[in-house]
Amino acid sequence: MNPIKVIYWISTIIMCLVFTFSAQMYFRNTEMVRGFFDMLNYPSYLVIPLAILKVLGIIAVLSKKSKLLTEWAYAGFFIDAVLAFVAHWFAQDGGYAFSIVAIITIVISRYTYGRLYLD
């Protein structure tokens, strides 16, 4: 099997697991997550729309039905993870480690996606 394909699937699965975990937390513990958003100075009304977009992004990345939607999903995941990292870093709450994992897997998944499906 092509090593790039193996790296793609490992990084993509980890990335999707991170965002699945995040989305389910947003849906199941909405009030707690809203409290975190308030603490990090983000508007709490974004919790449910972000959860929905995370689920849609996972579907877009895994289905690969549209290159445009897949690219937007990667961009959205990257922006979300960077903003989460910055917010946790400035709040000094230690929550930024999860964001680092997300950023690394997004970059690896997107790079290998480009090598496999866009060349």
C-alpha atoms as a PDB file:
ATOM      1  CA  MET A   1       0.000   0.000   0.000  1.00  0.00           C
ATOM      2  CA  ASN A   2       1.095   3.527  -0.738  1.00  0.00           C
ATOM      3  CA  PRO A   3       2.723   5.038   2.408  1.00  0.00           C
ATOM      4  CA  ILE A   4       1.213   8.454   1.682  1.00  0.00           C
ATOM      5  CA  LYS A   5      -2.241   6.872   1.658  1.00  0.00           C
ATOM      6  CA  VAL A   6      -1.566   5.218   5.030  1.00  0.00           C
ATOM      7  CA  ILE A   7      -0.378   8.534   6.505  1.00  0.00           C
ATOM      8  CA  TYR A   8      -3.422  10.264   4.997  1.00  0.00           C
ATOM      9  CA  TRP A   9      -5.886   7.855   6.561  1.00  0.00           C
ATOM     10  CA  ILE A  10      -4.202   7.778   9.974  1.00  0.00           C
ATOM     11  CA  SER A  11      -4.031  11.576  10.203  1.00  0.00           C
ATOM     12  CA  THR A  12      -7.534  12.013   8.795  1.00  0.00           C
ATOM     13  CA  ILE A  13      -9.041   9.534  11.239  1.00  0.00           C
ATOM     14  CA  ILE A  14      -7.314  11.219  14.182  1.00  0.00           C
ATOM     15  CA  MET A  15      -8.436  14.646  12.935  1.00  0.00           C
ATOM     16  CA  CYS A  16     -12.019  13.438  12.519  1.00  0.00           C
ATOM     17  CA  LEU A  17     -11.983  11.855  15.977  1.00  0.00           C
ATOM     18  CA  VAL A  18     -10.810  15.137  17.523  1.00  0.00           C
ATOM     19  CA  PHE A  19     -13.584  17.102  15.821  1.00  0.00           C
ATOM     20  CA  THR A  20     -16.192  14.403  16.490  1.00  0.00           C
ATOM     21  CA  PHE A  21     -15.305  14.531  20.180  1.00  0.00           C
ATOM     22  CA  SER A  22     -15.518  18.319  20.102  1.00  0.00           C
ATOM     23  CA  ALA A  23     -18.887  18.368  18.289  1.00  0.00           C
ATOM     24  CA  GLN A  24     -20.463  15.807  20.600  1.00  0.00           C
ATOM     25  CA  MET A  25     -19.309  17.844  23.610  1.00  0.00           C
ATOM     26  CA  TYR A  26     -20.917  20.925  22.093  1.00  0.00           C
ATOM     27  CA  PHE A  27     -24.208  19.050  21.576  1.00  0.00           C
ATOM     28  CA  ARG A  28     -24.306  17.066  24.823  1.00  0.00           C
ATOM     29  CA  ASN A  29     -22.857  19.630  27.249  1.00  0.00           C
ATOM     30  CA  THR A  30     -23.972  22.852  25.607  1.00  0.00           C
ATOM     31  CA  GLU A  31     -24.216  24.906  28.794  1.00  0.00           C
ATOM     32  CA  MET A  32     -20.778  23.821  29.994  1.00  0.00           C
ATOM     33  CA  VAL A  33     -19.231  24.631  26.598  1.00  0.00           C
ATOM     34  CA  ARG A  34     -21.012  27.998  26.576  1.00  0.00           C
ATOM     35  CA  GLY A  35     -19.349  28.695  29.912  1.00  0.00           C
ATOM     36  CA  PHE A  36     -15.965  27.854  28.395  1.00  0.00           C
ATOM     37  CA  PHE A  37     -16.697  30.138  25.440  1.00  0.00           C
ATOM     38  CA  ASP A  38     -17.621  32.972  27.811  1.00  0.00           C
ATOM     39  CA  MET A  39     -14.451  32.361  29.844  1.00  0.00           C
ATOM     40  CA  LEU A  40     -12.362  32.482  26.647  1.00  0.00           C
ATOM     41  CA  ASN A  41     -14.136  35.660  25.479  1.00  0.00           C
ATOM     42  CA  TYR A  42     -15.887  34.019  22.508  1.00  0.00           C
ATOM     43  CA  PRO A  43     -19.612  34.538  21.904  1.00  0.00           C
ATOM     44  CA  SER A  44     -21.519  31.586  23.351  1.00  0.00           C
ATOM     45  CA  TYR A  45     -24.171  31.636  20.606  1.00  0.00           C
ATOM     46  CA  LEU A  46     -21.543  30.057  18.309  1.00  0.00           C
ATOM     47  CA  VAL A  47     -21.555  26.713  20.161  1.00  0.00           C
ATOM     48  CA  ILE A  48     -24.328  24.913  18.244  1.00  0.00           C
ATOM     49  CA  PRO A  49     -23.499  26.370  14.792  1.00  0.00           C
ATOM     50  CA  LEU A  50     -19.853  25.326  15.303  1.00  0.00           C
ATOM     51  CA  ALA A  51     -20.913  21.817  16.293  1.00  0.00           C
ATOM     52  CA  ILE A  52     -23.055  21.530  13.159  1.00  0.00           C
ATOM     53  CA  LEU A  53     -20.228  22.829  10.967  1.00  0.00           C
ATOM     54  CA  LYS A  54     -17.773  20.367  12.524  1.00  0.00           C
ATOM     55  CA  VAL A  55     -20.069  17.461  11.665  1.00  0.00           C
ATOM     56  CA  LEU A  56     -20.568  18.774   8.124  1.00  0.00           C
ATOM     57  CA  GLY A  57     -16.804  19.266   7.753  1.00  0.00           C
ATOM     58  CA  ILE A  58     -16.128  15.684   8.793  1.00  0.00           C
ATOM     59  CA  ILE A  59     -18.661  14.482   6.229  1.00  0.00           C
ATOM     60  CA  ALA A  60     -17.060  16.656   3.529  1.00  0.00           C
ATOM     61  CA  VAL A  61     -13.538  15.408   4.274  1.00  0.00           C
ATOM     62  CA  LEU A  62     -14.471  11.739   4.453  1.00  0.00           C
ATOM     63  CA  SER A  63     -16.799  11.711   1.445  1.00  0.00           C
ATOM     64  CA  LYS A  64     -14.517  13.692  -0.895  1.00  0.00           C
ATOM     65  CA  LYS A  65     -17.595  14.389  -3.062  1.00  0.00           C
ATOM     66  CA  SER A  66     -16.526  17.948  -3.777  1.00  0.00           C
ATOM     67  CA  LYS A  67     -12.951  19.218  -3.840  1.00  0.00           C
ATOM     68  CA  LEU A  68     -14.192  22.712  -3.033  1.00  0.00           C
ATOM     69  CA  LEU A  69     -16.145  21.601   0.041  1.00  0.00           C
ATOM     70  CA  THR A  70     -13.236  19.454   1.200  1.00  0.00           C
ATOM     71  CA  GLU A  71     -10.875  22.416   0.919  1.00  0.00           C
ATOM     72  CA  TRP A  72     -13.297  24.635   2.856  1.00  0.00           C
ATOM     73  CA  ALA A  73     -13.657  21.961   5.524  1.00  0.00           C
ATOM     74  CA  TYR A  74      -9.882  21.783   5.977  1.00  0.00           C
ATOM     75  CA  ALA A  75      -9.709  25.586   6.126  1.00  0.00           C
ATOM     76  CA  GLY A  76     -12.500  25.724   8.690  1.00  0.00           C
ATOM     77  CA  PHE A  77     -10.908  23.021  10.829  1.00  0.00           C
ATOM     78  CA  PHE A  78      -7.565  24.816  10.723  1.00  0.00           C
ATOM     79  CA  ILE A  79      -9.062  28.186  11.673  1.00  0.00           C
ATOM     80  CA  ASP A  80     -11.090  26.578  14.473  1.00  0.00           C
ATOM     81  CA  ALA A  81      -8.049  24.771  15.873  1.00  0.00           C
ATOM     82  CA  VAL A  82      -5.798  27.854  15.693  1.00  0.00           C
ATOM     83  CA  LEU A  83      -8.412  30.035  17.405  1.00  0.00           C
ATOM     84  CA  ALA A  84      -8.885  27.379  20.089  1.00  0.00           C
ATOM     85  CA  PHE A  85      -5.115  27.184  20.613  1.00  0.00           C
ATOM     86  CA  VAL A  86      -4.786  30.966  20.942  1.00  0.00           C
ATOM     87  CA  ALA A  87      -7.760  31.236  23.304  1.00  0.00           C
ATOM     88  CA  HIS A  88      -6.497  28.446  25.570  1.00  0.00           C
ATOM     89  CA  TRP A  89      -2.947  29.801  25.473  1.00  0.00           C
ATOM     90  CA  PHE A  90      -4.007  33.269  26.596  1.00  0.00           C
ATOM     91  CA  ALA A  91      -6.398  31.840  29.200  1.00  0.00           C
ATOM     92  CA  GLN A  92      -3.470  29.743  30.506  1.00  0.00           C
ATOM     93  CA  ASP A  93      -5.803  26.847  31.233  1.00  0.00           C
ATOM     94  CA  GLY A  94      -3.694  24.085  29.656  1.00  0.00           C
ATOM     95  CA  GLY A  95      -6.363  23.234  27.077  1.00  0.00           C
ATOM     96  CA  TYR A  96      -4.131  24.101  24.165  1.00  0.00           C
ATOM     97  CA  ALA A  97      -2.529  20.617  23.942  1.00  0.00           C
ATOM     98  CA  PHE A  98      -5.679  19.214  22.312  1.00  0.00           C
ATOM     99  CA  SER A  99      -5.543  22.050  19.786  1.00  0.00           C
ATOM    100  CA  ILE A 100      -1.929  21.266  18.920  1.00  0.00           C
ATOM    101  CA  VAL A 101      -2.893  17.676  18.094  1.00  0.00           C
ATOM    102  CA  ALA A 102      -5.717  18.999  15.916  1.00  0.00           C
ATOM    103  CA  ILE A 103      -3.445  21.446  14.076  1.00  0.00           C
ATOM    104  CA  ILE A 104      -0.775  18.814  13.399  1.00  0.00           C
ATOM    105  CA  THR A 105      -3.249  16.244  12.108  1.00  0.00           C
ATOM    106  CA  ILE A 106      -5.049  18.833   9.966  1.00  0.00           C
ATOM    107  CA  VAL A 107      -1.790  19.889   8.313  1.00  0.00           C
ATOM    108  CA  ILE A 108      -0.670  16.298   7.693  1.00  0.00           C
ATOM    109  CA  SER A 109      -4.097  15.205   6.443  1.00  0.00           C
ATOM    110  CA  ARG A 110      -4.433  18.202   4.119  1.00  0.00           C
ATOM    111  CA  TYR A 111      -0.912  17.796   2.750  1.00  0.00           C
ATOM    112  CA  THR A 112      -1.375  14.099   2.012  1.00  0.00           C
ATOM    113  CA  TYR A 113      -4.873  14.766   0.629  1.00  0.00           C
ATOM    114  CA  GLY A 114      -3.296  17.171  -1.846  1.00  0.00           C
ATOM    115  CA  ARG A 115      -0.652  14.630  -2.822  1.00  0.00           C
ATOM    116  CA  LEU A 116      -3.210  11.867  -3.340  1.00  0.00           C
ATOM    117  CA  TYR A 117      -6.255  13.578  -4.781  1.00  0.00           C
ATOM    118  CA  LEU A 118      -5.256  16.949  -6.211  1.00  0.00           C
ATOM    119  CA  ASP A 119      -2.157  16.115  -8.258  1.00  0.00           C
END
